[in-house]
């Protein structure tokens, strides 16, 4: 620890940049924590507002407002999109933003299915997942993005497989019909 004596108080000197790592930015840290609190309020409201008695589970208003067809799901989707946009403001890596968008999109699309979507919302908790991703990557910009790459890559492979299967089935169907 570098310290200098000024009168009778010891003070720390500012961290020095070595060129390999970014120096600690107190202003950024304060902004990140303020944003994390804002995101946390929304994520907890949507996913973890009330503890279900007799269980360790928590439930938010997301499944409740999701019971209002389309409007409830759109409201929840806008709040989830705000979380992703807030993460983008803090320059969270692009692949992590894609992962956050996938979580919000899955929550929205499955949430559109009556009853099943609301039950899905009880367990998936996309907003809490996105809060965790924001925390990990906004606090430590150098945090590993390997998990995000794996998720996005897996989804792309699955999508490519579905397209391949569709073309294969279509080809077999056409060869049977046309002869």
N, C-alpha and C. Protein backbone atom coordinates (compact mmCIF):
# COMPACT_ATOMS: atom_id res chain seq x y z
N UNK A 1 0.85 -1.17 0.00
CA UNK A 1 0.00 0.00 0.00
C UNK A 1 0.89 1.22 0.00
N UNK A 2 0.66 2.14 -0.96
CA UNK A 2 1.39 3.38 -0.99
C UNK A 2 0.70 4.34 -0.03
N UNK A 3 1.45 4.97 0.81
CA UNK A 3 0.86 5.98 1.67
C UNK A 3 1.86 7.11 1.82
N UNK A 4 1.32 8.26 1.99
CA UNK A 4 2.16 9.43 2.23
C UNK A 4 1.68 10.08 3.51
N UNK A 5 2.58 10.73 4.18
CA UNK A 5 2.22 11.42 5.43
C UNK A 5 1.91 12.86 5.13
N UNK A 6 0.74 13.28 5.56
CA UNK A 6 0.36 14.67 5.46
C UNK A 6 -0.02 15.09 6.86
N UNK A 7 0.85 15.79 7.51
CA UNK A 7 0.60 16.12 8.91
C UNK A 7 0.64 14.84 9.71
N UNK A 8 -0.46 14.51 10.38
CA UNK A 8 -0.52 13.30 11.18
C UNK A 8 -1.40 12.23 10.55
N UNK A 9 -2.03 12.51 9.38
CA UNK A 9 -2.90 11.54 8.74
C UNK A 9 -2.17 10.80 7.63
N UNK A 10 -2.41 9.52 7.55
CA UNK A 10 -1.89 8.75 6.43
C UNK A 10 -2.97 8.69 5.37
N UNK A 11 -2.62 8.96 4.13
CA UNK A 11 -3.59 8.89 3.04
C UNK A 11 -3.05 7.98 1.95
N UNK A 12 -3.95 7.33 1.26
CA UNK A 12 -3.55 6.46 0.17
C UNK A 12 -3.40 7.29 -1.10
N UNK A 13 -2.40 6.96 -1.85
CA UNK A 13 -2.27 7.63 -3.14
C UNK A 13 -3.19 6.92 -4.13
N UNK A 14 -3.52 7.60 -5.22
CA UNK A 14 -4.41 7.03 -6.22
C UNK A 14 -3.75 5.82 -6.87
N UNK A 15 -4.54 4.80 -7.24
CA UNK A 15 -3.95 3.63 -7.89
C UNK A 15 -3.32 4.03 -9.21
N UNK A 16 -2.24 3.37 -9.53
CA UNK A 16 -1.53 3.68 -10.76
C UNK A 16 -1.87 2.63 -11.81
N UNK A 17 -1.97 3.10 -13.03
CA UNK A 17 -2.25 2.18 -14.12
C UNK A 17 -0.94 1.57 -14.60
N UNK A 18 -0.95 0.25 -14.75
CA UNK A 18 0.25 -0.44 -15.23
C UNK A 18 0.17 -0.67 -16.73
N UNK A 19 -0.95 -0.31 -17.32
CA UNK A 19 -1.13 -0.57 -18.74
C UNK A 19 -1.77 -1.93 -18.99
N UNK A 20 -1.81 -2.78 -17.98
CA UNK A 20 -2.38 -4.12 -18.13
C UNK A 20 -3.80 -4.20 -17.59
N UNK A 21 -4.10 -3.46 -16.57
CA UNK A 21 -5.43 -3.47 -15.98
C UNK A 21 -5.90 -2.04 -15.81
N UNK A 22 -7.22 -1.87 -15.84
CA UNK A 22 -7.74 -0.52 -15.67
C UNK A 22 -7.66 -0.13 -14.21
N UNK A 23 -7.29 1.13 -13.94
CA UNK A 23 -7.25 1.56 -12.55
C UNK A 23 -8.68 1.64 -12.00
N UNK A 24 -8.81 1.58 -10.70
CA UNK A 24 -10.11 1.65 -10.05
C UNK A 24 -10.66 3.05 -10.28
N UNK A 25 -11.89 3.11 -10.76
CA UNK A 25 -12.56 4.37 -11.04
C UNK A 25 -13.69 4.51 -10.03
N UNK A 26 -13.47 5.33 -9.01
CA UNK A 26 -14.46 5.47 -7.94
C UNK A 26 -15.78 6.00 -8.47
N UNK A 27 -15.73 6.91 -9.46
CA UNK A 27 -16.96 7.44 -10.04
C UNK A 27 -17.76 6.37 -10.75
N UNK A 28 -17.06 5.51 -11.50
CA UNK A 28 -17.74 4.42 -12.21
C UNK A 28 -18.34 3.45 -11.21
N UNK A 29 -17.58 3.12 -10.17
CA UNK A 29 -18.07 2.18 -9.16
C UNK A 29 -19.34 2.70 -8.51
N UNK A 30 -19.38 3.98 -8.18
CA UNK A 30 -20.58 4.56 -7.57
C UNK A 30 -21.75 4.51 -8.54
N UNK A 31 -21.50 4.80 -9.83
CA UNK A 31 -22.57 4.75 -10.84
C UNK A 31 -23.06 3.32 -11.03
N UNK A 32 -22.14 2.36 -11.03
CA UNK A 32 -22.52 0.95 -11.19
C UNK A 32 -23.40 0.52 -10.03
N UNK A 33 -23.02 0.88 -8.81
CA UNK A 33 -23.81 0.47 -7.64
C UNK A 33 -25.18 1.15 -7.64
N UNK A 34 -25.25 2.40 -8.09
CA UNK A 34 -26.54 3.08 -8.17
C UNK A 34 -27.42 2.40 -9.22
N UNK A 35 -26.84 2.06 -10.37
CA UNK A 35 -27.60 1.36 -11.41
C UNK A 35 -28.02 -0.02 -10.93
N UNK A 36 -27.13 -0.69 -10.21
CA UNK A 36 -27.46 -2.02 -9.69
C UNK A 36 -28.64 -1.95 -8.72
N UNK A 37 -28.70 -0.90 -7.92
CA UNK A 37 -29.84 -0.73 -7.01
C UNK A 37 -31.13 -0.52 -7.81
N UNK A 38 -31.06 0.33 -8.86
CA UNK A 38 -32.25 0.58 -9.69
C UNK A 38 -32.71 -0.71 -10.36
N UNK A 39 -31.78 -1.43 -10.96
CA UNK A 39 -32.11 -2.69 -11.62
C UNK A 39 -32.63 -3.70 -10.61
N UNK A 40 -32.02 -3.72 -9.44
CA UNK A 40 -32.44 -4.65 -8.38
C UNK A 40 -33.88 -4.41 -7.95
N UNK A 41 -34.28 -3.14 -7.87
CA UNK A 41 -35.66 -2.82 -7.49
C UNK A 41 -36.63 -3.41 -8.51
N UNK A 42 -36.35 -3.20 -9.79
CA UNK A 42 -37.24 -3.72 -10.85
C UNK A 42 -37.21 -5.25 -10.87
N UNK A 43 -36.00 -5.83 -10.81
CA UNK A 43 -35.88 -7.30 -10.86
C UNK A 43 -36.59 -7.95 -9.68
N UNK A 44 -36.42 -7.39 -8.48
CA UNK A 44 -37.11 -7.94 -7.31
C UNK A 44 -38.62 -7.76 -7.41
N UNK A 45 -39.05 -6.62 -7.91
CA UNK A 45 -40.49 -6.38 -8.08
C UNK A 45 -41.09 -7.41 -9.03
N UNK A 46 -40.40 -7.68 -10.13
CA UNK A 46 -40.92 -8.62 -11.13
C UNK A 46 -40.78 -10.08 -10.72
N UNK A 47 -39.68 -10.43 -10.03
CA UNK A 47 -39.38 -11.85 -9.81
C UNK A 47 -39.39 -12.32 -8.35
N UNK A 48 -39.18 -11.46 -7.39
CA UNK A 48 -38.95 -11.92 -6.01
C UNK A 48 -39.64 -11.08 -4.94
N UNK A 49 -40.76 -10.48 -5.23
CA UNK A 49 -41.38 -9.54 -4.31
C UNK A 49 -41.86 -10.16 -3.00
N UNK A 50 -42.50 -11.31 -3.07
CA UNK A 50 -43.15 -11.90 -1.89
C UNK A 50 -42.66 -13.33 -1.68
N UNK A 51 -42.37 -13.68 -0.43
CA UNK A 51 -42.01 -15.06 -0.09
C UNK A 51 -43.29 -15.88 0.03
N UNK A 52 -43.31 -17.03 -0.62
CA UNK A 52 -44.46 -17.92 -0.55
C UNK A 52 -44.38 -18.68 0.78
N UNK A 53 -45.39 -18.52 1.64
CA UNK A 53 -45.33 -19.17 2.96
C UNK A 53 -45.17 -20.69 2.85
N UNK A 54 -44.32 -21.23 3.70
CA UNK A 54 -44.12 -22.67 3.75
C UNK A 54 -43.13 -23.20 2.73
N UNK A 55 -42.62 -22.32 1.89
CA UNK A 55 -41.64 -22.73 0.88
C UNK A 55 -40.47 -21.75 0.92
N UNK A 56 -39.41 -22.10 0.26
CA UNK A 56 -38.29 -21.18 0.14
C UNK A 56 -38.41 -20.31 -1.09
N UNK A 57 -39.51 -20.43 -1.80
CA UNK A 57 -39.71 -19.74 -3.07
C UNK A 57 -40.18 -18.31 -2.86
N UNK A 58 -39.85 -17.47 -3.82
CA UNK A 58 -40.33 -16.10 -3.85
C UNK A 58 -41.03 -15.89 -5.19
N UNK A 59 -41.98 -15.00 -5.21
CA UNK A 59 -42.72 -14.70 -6.43
C UNK A 59 -42.84 -13.19 -6.57
N UNK A 60 -42.75 -12.72 -7.79
CA UNK A 60 -42.91 -11.30 -8.07
C UNK A 60 -44.21 -11.05 -8.79
N UNK A 61 -44.34 -9.85 -9.33
CA UNK A 61 -45.59 -9.51 -10.01
C UNK A 61 -45.59 -9.94 -11.47
N UNK A 62 -44.46 -10.41 -11.99
CA UNK A 62 -44.39 -10.82 -13.40
C UNK A 62 -45.45 -11.87 -13.75
N UNK A 63 -45.57 -12.97 -12.99
CA UNK A 63 -46.62 -13.93 -13.34
C UNK A 63 -48.03 -13.37 -13.15
N UNK A 64 -48.17 -12.43 -12.21
CA UNK A 64 -49.50 -11.86 -11.96
C UNK A 64 -49.93 -10.92 -13.09
N UNK A 65 -49.01 -10.01 -13.50
CA UNK A 65 -49.39 -9.12 -14.60
C UNK A 65 -49.41 -9.88 -15.92
N UNK A 66 -48.71 -11.01 -15.97
CA UNK A 66 -48.74 -11.84 -17.17
C UNK A 66 -50.09 -12.48 -17.42
N UNK A 67 -50.94 -12.50 -16.40
CA UNK A 67 -52.28 -13.05 -16.57
C UNK A 67 -53.17 -12.13 -17.39
N UNK A 68 -52.78 -10.87 -17.52
CA UNK A 68 -53.51 -9.95 -18.39
C UNK A 68 -52.99 -10.20 -19.81
N UNK A 69 -53.82 -10.76 -20.67
CA UNK A 69 -53.33 -11.13 -22.00
C UNK A 69 -52.65 -9.97 -22.73
N UNK A 70 -51.53 -10.24 -23.30
CA UNK A 70 -50.69 -9.38 -24.12
C UNK A 70 -50.20 -8.13 -23.36
N UNK A 71 -51.09 -7.34 -22.79
CA UNK A 71 -50.70 -6.10 -22.13
C UNK A 71 -49.78 -6.37 -20.94
N UNK A 72 -50.11 -7.36 -20.14
CA UNK A 72 -49.26 -7.70 -19.00
C UNK A 72 -47.89 -8.18 -19.43
N UNK A 73 -47.86 -9.02 -20.47
CA UNK A 73 -46.59 -9.53 -20.98
C UNK A 73 -45.76 -8.41 -21.62
N UNK A 74 -46.41 -7.49 -22.32
CA UNK A 74 -45.69 -6.36 -22.91
C UNK A 74 -45.12 -5.44 -21.84
N UNK A 75 -45.88 -5.22 -20.78
CA UNK A 75 -45.40 -4.39 -19.67
C UNK A 75 -44.15 -5.00 -19.06
N UNK A 76 -44.20 -6.28 -18.80
CA UNK A 76 -43.06 -7.00 -18.25
C UNK A 76 -41.88 -6.96 -19.21
N UNK A 77 -42.15 -7.11 -20.51
CA UNK A 77 -41.09 -7.09 -21.52
C UNK A 77 -40.41 -5.73 -21.58
N UNK A 78 -41.18 -4.65 -21.47
CA UNK A 78 -40.58 -3.31 -21.48
C UNK A 78 -39.67 -3.10 -20.27
N UNK A 79 -40.10 -3.61 -19.12
CA UNK A 79 -39.27 -3.49 -17.91
C UNK A 79 -37.99 -4.32 -18.06
N UNK A 80 -38.11 -5.50 -18.65
CA UNK A 80 -36.94 -6.34 -18.89
C UNK A 80 -36.00 -5.69 -19.91
N UNK A 81 -36.57 -5.07 -20.93
CA UNK A 81 -35.76 -4.38 -21.94
C UNK A 81 -35.00 -3.21 -21.31
N UNK A 82 -35.63 -2.52 -20.38
CA UNK A 82 -34.95 -1.42 -19.69
C UNK A 82 -33.71 -1.93 -18.95
N UNK A 83 -33.80 -3.10 -18.34
CA UNK A 83 -32.65 -3.68 -17.64
C UNK A 83 -31.50 -3.92 -18.63
N UNK A 84 -31.82 -4.45 -19.80
CA UNK A 84 -30.79 -4.70 -20.81
C UNK A 84 -30.19 -3.38 -21.30
N UNK A 85 -31.03 -2.38 -21.53
CA UNK A 85 -30.53 -1.07 -21.96
C UNK A 85 -29.65 -0.42 -20.90
N UNK A 86 -30.01 -0.58 -19.66
CA UNK A 86 -29.19 -0.05 -18.56
C UNK A 86 -27.82 -0.73 -18.56
N UNK A 87 -27.80 -2.04 -18.81
CA UNK A 87 -26.53 -2.77 -18.89
C UNK A 87 -25.70 -2.27 -20.07
N UNK A 88 -26.35 -1.96 -21.17
CA UNK A 88 -25.63 -1.45 -22.35
C UNK A 88 -24.99 -0.09 -22.05
N UNK A 89 -25.64 0.71 -21.25
CA UNK A 89 -25.07 2.02 -20.86
C UNK A 89 -23.74 1.86 -20.15
N UNK A 90 -23.58 0.74 -19.45
CA UNK A 90 -22.35 0.51 -18.69
C UNK A 90 -21.35 -0.34 -19.47
N UNK A 91 -21.58 -0.45 -20.76
CA UNK A 91 -20.66 -1.13 -21.66
C UNK A 91 -20.38 -2.58 -21.25
N UNK A 92 -21.45 -3.25 -20.82
CA UNK A 92 -21.36 -4.69 -20.57
C UNK A 92 -21.05 -5.33 -21.92
N UNK A 93 -20.18 -6.34 -21.98
CA UNK A 93 -19.81 -6.94 -23.27
C UNK A 93 -21.03 -7.33 -24.12
N UNK A 94 -20.89 -7.16 -25.42
CA UNK A 94 -21.99 -7.41 -26.34
C UNK A 94 -22.58 -8.81 -26.24
N UNK A 95 -21.74 -9.81 -26.07
CA UNK A 95 -22.24 -11.19 -25.98
C UNK A 95 -23.09 -11.37 -24.72
N UNK A 96 -22.75 -10.65 -23.65
CA UNK A 96 -23.55 -10.71 -22.42
C UNK A 96 -24.89 -10.01 -22.64
N UNK A 97 -24.87 -8.90 -23.40
CA UNK A 97 -26.13 -8.24 -23.74
C UNK A 97 -27.02 -9.15 -24.58
N UNK A 98 -26.40 -9.93 -25.47
CA UNK A 98 -27.18 -10.90 -26.26
C UNK A 98 -27.80 -11.94 -25.32
N UNK A 99 -27.02 -12.43 -24.35
CA UNK A 99 -27.54 -13.41 -23.39
C UNK A 99 -28.69 -12.80 -22.58
N UNK A 100 -28.53 -11.56 -22.14
CA UNK A 100 -29.59 -10.89 -21.39
C UNK A 100 -30.85 -10.73 -22.24
N UNK A 101 -30.66 -10.41 -23.52
CA UNK A 101 -31.79 -10.26 -24.43
C UNK A 101 -32.49 -11.60 -24.65
N UNK A 102 -31.70 -12.66 -24.74
CA UNK A 102 -32.29 -14.00 -24.88
C UNK A 102 -33.14 -14.33 -23.66
N UNK A 103 -32.62 -14.07 -22.46
CA UNK A 103 -33.40 -14.34 -21.25
C UNK A 103 -34.70 -13.54 -21.25
N UNK A 104 -34.62 -12.25 -21.59
CA UNK A 104 -35.83 -11.42 -21.61
C UNK A 104 -36.78 -11.89 -22.70
N UNK A 105 -36.25 -12.26 -23.87
CA UNK A 105 -37.09 -12.72 -24.97
C UNK A 105 -37.79 -14.03 -24.66
N UNK A 106 -37.07 -14.96 -24.06
CA UNK A 106 -37.67 -16.25 -23.68
C UNK A 106 -38.78 -16.00 -22.65
N UNK A 107 -38.50 -15.13 -21.68
CA UNK A 107 -39.50 -14.81 -20.66
C UNK A 107 -40.76 -14.22 -21.32
N UNK A 108 -40.56 -13.34 -22.30
CA UNK A 108 -41.70 -12.72 -22.98
C UNK A 108 -42.45 -13.73 -23.84
N UNK A 109 -41.73 -14.47 -24.68
CA UNK A 109 -42.40 -15.38 -25.62
C UNK A 109 -43.13 -16.51 -24.92
N UNK A 110 -42.50 -17.11 -23.93
CA UNK A 110 -43.18 -18.20 -23.21
C UNK A 110 -44.28 -17.61 -22.32
N UNK A 111 -44.06 -16.39 -21.84
CA UNK A 111 -45.08 -15.72 -21.03
C UNK A 111 -46.36 -15.46 -21.79
N UNK A 112 -46.29 -15.41 -23.11
CA UNK A 112 -47.49 -15.19 -23.93
C UNK A 112 -48.43 -16.40 -23.91
N UNK A 113 -47.90 -17.58 -23.57
CA UNK A 113 -48.73 -18.79 -23.53
C UNK A 113 -49.57 -18.75 -22.25
N UNK A 114 -50.89 -18.75 -22.39
CA UNK A 114 -51.73 -18.67 -21.18
C UNK A 114 -51.43 -19.79 -20.18
N UNK A 115 -51.43 -19.48 -18.94
CA UNK A 115 -51.22 -20.34 -17.78
C UNK A 115 -49.81 -20.95 -17.77
N UNK A 116 -49.42 -21.66 -18.81
CA UNK A 116 -48.09 -22.25 -18.88
C UNK A 116 -47.01 -21.17 -18.77
N UNK A 117 -47.21 -20.06 -19.45
CA UNK A 117 -46.25 -18.96 -19.40
C UNK A 117 -46.14 -18.36 -18.01
N UNK A 118 -47.26 -18.26 -17.32
CA UNK A 118 -47.24 -17.72 -15.96
C UNK A 118 -46.54 -18.67 -15.00
N UNK A 119 -46.73 -19.97 -15.18
CA UNK A 119 -46.02 -20.96 -14.37
C UNK A 119 -44.52 -20.92 -14.67
N UNK A 120 -44.16 -20.73 -15.93
CA UNK A 120 -42.77 -20.61 -16.33
C UNK A 120 -42.12 -19.40 -15.65
N UNK A 121 -42.86 -18.28 -15.59
CA UNK A 121 -42.35 -17.06 -14.94
C UNK A 121 -42.01 -17.28 -13.47
N UNK A 122 -42.73 -18.20 -12.82
CA UNK A 122 -42.47 -18.47 -11.41
C UNK A 122 -41.06 -19.04 -11.19
N UNK A 123 -40.58 -19.82 -12.15
CA UNK A 123 -39.30 -20.48 -11.95
C UNK A 123 -38.13 -19.90 -12.71
N UNK A 124 -38.37 -19.29 -13.88
CA UNK A 124 -37.26 -18.86 -14.73
C UNK A 124 -36.58 -17.60 -14.20
N UNK A 125 -37.31 -16.61 -13.78
CA UNK A 125 -36.79 -15.38 -13.17
C UNK A 125 -35.71 -14.71 -14.03
N UNK A 126 -36.08 -14.37 -15.24
CA UNK A 126 -35.15 -13.78 -16.20
C UNK A 126 -34.53 -12.48 -15.69
N UNK A 127 -35.30 -11.68 -14.98
CA UNK A 127 -34.79 -10.39 -14.52
C UNK A 127 -33.74 -10.54 -13.44
N UNK A 128 -33.91 -11.53 -12.57
CA UNK A 128 -32.88 -11.79 -11.55
C UNK A 128 -31.61 -12.33 -12.20
N UNK A 129 -31.76 -13.14 -13.24
CA UNK A 129 -30.61 -13.64 -13.98
C UNK A 129 -29.86 -12.46 -14.63
N UNK A 130 -30.63 -11.53 -15.20
CA UNK A 130 -30.01 -10.38 -15.85
C UNK A 130 -29.35 -9.45 -14.83
N UNK A 131 -29.94 -9.33 -13.65
CA UNK A 131 -29.31 -8.54 -12.59
C UNK A 131 -27.96 -9.15 -12.22
N UNK A 132 -27.92 -10.46 -12.10
CA UNK A 132 -26.66 -11.14 -11.77
C UNK A 132 -25.61 -10.91 -12.87
N UNK A 133 -26.02 -11.01 -14.14
CA UNK A 133 -25.10 -10.77 -15.25
C UNK A 133 -24.60 -9.32 -15.23
N UNK A 134 -25.51 -8.38 -14.97
CA UNK A 134 -25.12 -6.97 -14.89
C UNK A 134 -24.08 -6.79 -13.79
N UNK A 135 -24.36 -7.34 -12.62
CA UNK A 135 -23.43 -7.20 -11.50
C UNK A 135 -22.05 -7.75 -11.86
N UNK A 136 -22.02 -8.95 -12.41
CA UNK A 136 -20.74 -9.60 -12.72
C UNK A 136 -19.92 -8.79 -13.73
N UNK A 137 -20.57 -8.27 -14.76
CA UNK A 137 -19.82 -7.65 -15.85
C UNK A 137 -19.69 -6.13 -15.73
N UNK A 138 -20.55 -5.48 -14.98
CA UNK A 138 -20.39 -4.04 -14.79
C UNK A 138 -19.37 -3.75 -13.69
N UNK A 139 -19.37 -4.57 -12.65
CA UNK A 139 -18.41 -4.39 -11.57
C UNK A 139 -17.01 -4.80 -12.02
N UNK A 140 -16.92 -5.89 -12.77
CA UNK A 140 -15.63 -6.38 -13.27
C UNK A 140 -15.70 -6.49 -14.79
N UNK A 141 -15.35 -5.41 -15.50
CA UNK A 141 -15.44 -5.44 -16.96
C UNK A 141 -14.61 -6.54 -17.61
N UNK A 142 -13.65 -7.08 -16.89
CA UNK A 142 -12.82 -8.15 -17.44
C UNK A 142 -13.31 -9.55 -17.11
N UNK A 143 -14.51 -9.66 -16.53
CA UNK A 143 -15.05 -10.97 -16.15
C UNK A 143 -15.22 -11.85 -17.40
N UNK A 144 -15.10 -13.14 -17.21
CA UNK A 144 -15.17 -14.10 -18.31
C UNK A 144 -16.55 -14.07 -18.97
N UNK A 145 -16.55 -14.13 -20.28
CA UNK A 145 -17.79 -14.19 -21.04
C UNK A 145 -18.00 -15.58 -21.65
N UNK A 146 -17.23 -16.55 -21.18
CA UNK A 146 -17.30 -17.90 -21.73
C UNK A 146 -18.69 -18.51 -21.63
N UNK A 147 -19.37 -18.32 -20.52
CA UNK A 147 -20.72 -18.87 -20.35
C UNK A 147 -21.70 -18.25 -21.34
N UNK A 148 -21.55 -16.96 -21.59
CA UNK A 148 -22.44 -16.29 -22.54
C UNK A 148 -22.20 -16.81 -23.95
N UNK A 149 -20.92 -16.97 -24.32
CA UNK A 149 -20.60 -17.52 -25.64
C UNK A 149 -21.15 -18.93 -25.78
N UNK A 150 -21.04 -19.74 -24.73
CA UNK A 150 -21.54 -21.12 -24.79
C UNK A 150 -23.05 -21.15 -24.97
N UNK A 151 -23.77 -20.31 -24.22
CA UNK A 151 -25.23 -20.27 -24.34
C UNK A 151 -25.65 -19.83 -25.73
N UNK A 152 -25.10 -18.73 -26.20
CA UNK A 152 -25.48 -18.20 -27.52
C UNK A 152 -25.08 -19.19 -28.62
N UNK A 153 -23.89 -19.77 -28.52
CA UNK A 153 -23.46 -20.77 -29.51
C UNK A 153 -24.36 -21.99 -29.52
N UNK A 154 -24.75 -22.46 -28.33
CA UNK A 154 -25.66 -23.60 -28.24
C UNK A 154 -27.02 -23.31 -28.86
N UNK A 155 -27.52 -22.12 -28.62
CA UNK A 155 -28.81 -21.74 -29.21
C UNK A 155 -28.70 -21.66 -30.73
N UNK A 156 -27.60 -21.09 -31.23
CA UNK A 156 -27.41 -21.01 -32.68
C UNK A 156 -27.30 -22.40 -33.30
N UNK A 157 -26.58 -23.31 -32.63
CA UNK A 157 -26.48 -24.69 -33.14
C UNK A 157 -27.84 -25.38 -33.14
N UNK A 158 -28.60 -25.20 -32.08
CA UNK A 158 -29.94 -25.80 -32.01
C UNK A 158 -30.83 -25.23 -33.11
N UNK A 159 -30.76 -23.94 -33.33
CA UNK A 159 -31.55 -23.30 -34.38
C UNK A 159 -31.15 -23.83 -35.75
N UNK A 160 -29.85 -23.95 -35.99
CA UNK A 160 -29.36 -24.51 -37.27
C UNK A 160 -29.84 -25.95 -37.43
N UNK A 161 -29.83 -26.72 -36.36
CA UNK A 161 -30.32 -28.10 -36.41
C UNK A 161 -31.80 -28.17 -36.73
N UNK A 162 -32.57 -27.27 -36.18
CA UNK A 162 -34.01 -27.24 -36.46
C UNK A 162 -34.26 -26.89 -37.92
N UNK A 163 -33.50 -25.92 -38.43
CA UNK A 163 -33.64 -25.56 -39.85
C UNK A 163 -33.24 -26.74 -40.74
N UNK A 164 -32.14 -27.39 -40.43
CA UNK A 164 -31.70 -28.56 -41.20
C UNK A 164 -32.77 -29.65 -41.17
N UNK A 165 -33.32 -29.91 -39.99
CA UNK A 165 -34.38 -30.92 -39.86
C UNK A 165 -35.60 -30.53 -40.69
N UNK A 166 -35.96 -29.27 -40.67
CA UNK A 166 -37.09 -28.80 -41.46
C UNK A 166 -36.88 -29.01 -42.94
N UNK A 167 -35.69 -28.66 -43.44
CA UNK A 167 -35.40 -28.87 -44.86
C UNK A 167 -35.37 -30.36 -45.20
N UNK A 168 -34.83 -31.18 -44.32
CA UNK A 168 -34.78 -32.63 -44.56
C UNK A 168 -36.19 -33.20 -44.64
N UNK A 169 -37.04 -32.83 -43.70
CA UNK A 169 -38.42 -33.33 -43.71
C UNK A 169 -39.19 -32.81 -44.92
N UNK A 170 -38.96 -31.55 -45.27
CA UNK A 170 -39.61 -30.98 -46.44
C UNK A 170 -39.17 -31.72 -47.71
N UNK A 171 -37.87 -32.01 -47.80
CA UNK A 171 -37.36 -32.75 -48.96
C UNK A 171 -37.96 -34.13 -49.06
N UNK A 172 -38.06 -34.82 -47.95
CA UNK A 172 -38.68 -36.17 -47.96
C UNK A 172 -40.15 -36.10 -48.30
N UNK A 173 -40.83 -35.10 -47.77
CA UNK A 173 -42.25 -34.94 -48.07
C UNK A 173 -42.45 -34.68 -49.56
N UNK A 174 -41.65 -33.77 -50.11
CA UNK A 174 -41.77 -33.44 -51.54
C UNK A 174 -41.41 -34.63 -52.43
N UNK A 175 -40.38 -35.40 -52.03
CA UNK A 175 -40.02 -36.57 -52.84
C UNK A 175 -41.11 -37.63 -52.79
N UNK A 176 -41.84 -37.73 -51.70
CA UNK A 176 -42.95 -38.68 -51.59
C UNK A 176 -44.13 -38.21 -52.41
N UNK A 177 -44.44 -36.94 -52.35
CA UNK A 177 -45.61 -36.40 -53.05
C UNK A 177 -45.36 -36.32 -54.55
N UNK A 178 -44.19 -35.83 -54.94
CA UNK A 178 -43.88 -35.64 -56.35
C UNK A 178 -43.42 -36.97 -56.99
N UNK A 179 -42.73 -37.76 -56.23
CA UNK A 179 -42.35 -39.09 -56.69
C UNK A 179 -41.00 -39.15 -57.17
